C-alpha atoms as a PDB file:
ATOM      1  CA  UNK A   1     -28.785   2.629 -37.860  1.00  0.00           C
ATOM      2  CA  UNK A   2     -26.803   1.305 -35.176  1.00  0.00           C
ATOM      3  CA  UNK A   3     -24.218   2.967 -32.681  1.00  0.00           C
ATOM      4  CA  UNK A   4     -20.828   3.603 -34.364  1.00  0.00           C
ATOM      5  CA  UNK A   5     -22.202   3.147 -38.023  1.00  0.00           C
ATOM      6  CA  UNK A   6     -21.694   5.722 -40.551  1.00  0.00           C
ATOM      7  CA  UNK A   7     -24.549   6.315 -43.063  1.00  0.00           C
ATOM      8  CA  UNK A   8     -23.685   6.301 -46.699  1.00  0.00           C
ATOM      9  CA  UNK A   9     -22.899   9.578 -48.078  1.00  0.00           C
ATOM     10  CA  UNK A  10     -20.856  10.711 -45.043  1.00  0.00           C
ATOM     11  CA  UNK A  11     -17.342  10.196 -44.477  1.00  0.00           C
ATOM     12  CA  UNK A  12     -14.939  11.449 -41.672  1.00  0.00           C
ATOM     13  CA  UNK A  13     -11.913  13.381 -42.670  1.00  0.00           C
ATOM     14  CA  UNK A  14      -8.757  11.186 -42.112  1.00  0.00           C
ATOM     15  CA  UNK A  15      -6.749  14.142 -41.180  1.00  0.00           C
ATOM     16  CA  UNK A  16      -9.419  15.870 -38.991  1.00  0.00           C
ATOM     17  CA  UNK A  17     -11.967  13.464 -37.377  1.00  0.00           C
ATOM     18  CA  UNK A  18     -14.166  16.295 -36.444  1.00  0.00           C
ATOM     19  CA  UNK A  19     -14.839  17.108 -40.179  1.00  0.00           C
ATOM     20  CA  UNK A  20     -17.380  15.127 -42.113  1.00  0.00           C
ATOM     21  CA  UNK A  21     -17.631  15.175 -45.844  1.00  0.00           C
ATOM     22  CA  UNK A  22     -21.246  14.705 -47.267  1.00  0.00           C
ATOM     23  CA  UNK A  23     -21.732  13.125 -50.608  1.00  0.00           C
ATOM     24  CA  UNK A  24     -25.090  13.032 -52.704  1.00  0.00           C
ATOM     25  CA  UNK A  25     -25.579   9.351 -53.527  1.00  0.00           C
ATOM     26  CA  UNK A  26     -27.768   8.195 -56.478  1.00  0.00           C
ATOM     27  CA  UNK A  27     -30.460   7.441 -53.901  1.00  0.00           C
ATOM     28  CA  UNK A  28     -30.191  10.839 -52.361  1.00  0.00           C
ATOM     29  CA  UNK A  29     -30.502  12.383 -55.756  1.00  0.00           C
ATOM     30  CA  UNK A  30     -33.544  10.227 -56.593  1.00  0.00           C
ATOM     31  CA  UNK A  31     -35.331  10.926 -53.283  1.00  0.00           C
ATOM     32  CA  UNK A  32     -34.654  14.709 -53.883  1.00  0.00           C
ATOM     33  CA  UNK A  33     -36.036  14.450 -57.275  1.00  0.00           C
ATOM     34  CA  UNK A  34     -39.170  12.691 -56.249  1.00  0.00           C
ATOM     35  CA  UNK A  35     -39.698  15.108 -53.446  1.00  0.00           C
ATOM     36  CA  UNK A  36     -39.387  18.148 -55.722  1.00  0.00           C
ATOM     37  CA  UNK A  37     -41.505  16.705 -58.641  1.00  0.00           C
ATOM     38  CA  UNK A  38     -44.952  17.993 -57.604  1.00  0.00           C
ATOM     39  CA  UNK A  39     -43.652  21.497 -57.092  1.00  0.00           C
ATOM     40  CA  UNK A  40     -41.695  21.467 -60.418  1.00  0.00           C
ATOM     41  CA  UNK A  41     -44.972  20.411 -62.242  1.00  0.00           C
ATOM     42  CA  UNK A  42     -46.929  23.028 -60.491  1.00  0.00           C
ATOM     43  CA  UNK A  43     -44.462  25.722 -61.400  1.00  0.00           C
ATOM     44  CA  UNK A  44     -44.414  24.418 -65.132  1.00  0.00           C
ATOM     45  CA  UNK A  45     -48.228  25.182 -64.985  1.00  0.00           C
ATOM     46  CA  UNK A  46     -47.733  28.595 -63.692  1.00  0.00           C
ATOM     47  CA  UNK A  47     -45.218  29.364 -66.360  1.00  0.00           C
ATOM     48  CA  UNK A  48     -47.283  27.949 -69.145  1.00  0.00           C
ATOM     49  CA  UNK A  49     -49.866  30.476 -68.044  1.00  0.00           C
ATOM     50  CA  UNK A  50     -47.589  33.343 -69.426  1.00  0.00           C
ATOM     51  CA  UNK A  51     -47.263  34.644 -72.971  1.00  0.00           C
ATOM     52  CA  UNK A  52     -43.623  34.653 -74.190  1.00  0.00           C
ATOM     53  CA  UNK A  53     -43.026  38.334 -73.741  1.00  0.00           C
ATOM     54  CA  UNK A  54     -44.049  38.055 -70.110  1.00  0.00           C
ATOM     55  CA  UNK A  55     -41.783  35.142 -69.732  1.00  0.00           C
ATOM     56  CA  UNK A  56     -38.905  37.228 -71.180  1.00  0.00           C
ATOM     57  CA  UNK A  57     -39.761  39.974 -68.811  1.00  0.00           C
ATOM     58  CA  UNK A  58     -39.769  37.690 -65.792  1.00  0.00           C
ATOM     59  CA  UNK A  59     -36.446  35.981 -66.843  1.00  0.00           C
ATOM     60  CA  UNK A  60     -34.832  39.429 -67.153  1.00  0.00           C
ATOM     61  CA  UNK A  61     -36.023  40.337 -63.717  1.00  0.00           C
ATOM     62  CA  UNK A  62     -34.766  37.146 -62.101  1.00  0.00           C
ATOM     63  CA  UNK A  63     -31.359  37.291 -64.054  1.00  0.00           C
ATOM     64  CA  UNK A  64     -30.893  40.690 -62.773  1.00  0.00           C
ATOM     65  CA  UNK A  65     -31.837  39.946 -59.207  1.00  0.00           C
ATOM     66  CA  UNK A  66     -29.528  37.138 -59.168  1.00  0.00           C
ATOM     67  CA  UNK A  67     -26.610  39.187 -60.371  1.00  0.00           C
ATOM     68  CA  UNK A  68     -27.275  41.904 -57.874  1.00  0.00           C
ATOM     69  CA  UNK A  69     -27.471  39.300 -55.103  1.00  0.00           C
ATOM     70  CA  UNK A  70     -24.183  37.643 -56.319  1.00  0.00           C
ATOM     71  CA  UNK A  71     -22.250  40.828 -56.449  1.00  0.00           C
ATOM     72  CA  UNK A  72     -23.593  41.719 -52.832  1.00  0.00           C
ATOM     73  CA  UNK A  73     -22.575  38.319 -51.537  1.00  0.00           C
ATOM     74  CA  UNK A  74     -19.110  38.751 -53.064  1.00  0.00           C
ATOM     75  CA  UNK A  75     -18.801  42.302 -51.684  1.00  0.00           C
ATOM     76  CA  UNK A  76     -19.814  41.150 -48.166  1.00  0.00           C
ATOM     77  CA  UNK A  77     -17.498  38.209 -48.410  1.00  0.00           C
ATOM     78  CA  UNK A  78     -14.579  40.546 -49.336  1.00  0.00           C
ATOM     79  CA  UNK A  79     -15.287  42.950 -46.654  1.00  0.00           C
ATOM     80  CA  UNK A  80     -15.429  40.275 -43.999  1.00  0.00           C
ATOM     81  CA  UNK A  81     -12.250  38.555 -45.283  1.00  0.00           C
ATOM     82  CA  UNK A  82     -10.589  42.103 -45.026  1.00  0.00           C
ATOM     83  CA  UNK A  83     -11.794  42.940 -41.594  1.00  0.00           C
END
């Protein structure tokens, strides 16, 4: 890419030239999907090794963990905003 050219997926903010908006293009999405495919295939094989009851237990654990992390993040954001 030459000097002064902006790659696709990036645009300077008209009001604030310091600010850059990034946009995921179709090509970016496909590249990410291609890069993730081997890992996702491997994860499918891991999950296939569990019985349904085990998958249900894992899902409950992950759902609960995400909820706790979300609540903690929101609490920290509120605390930082108020201080």
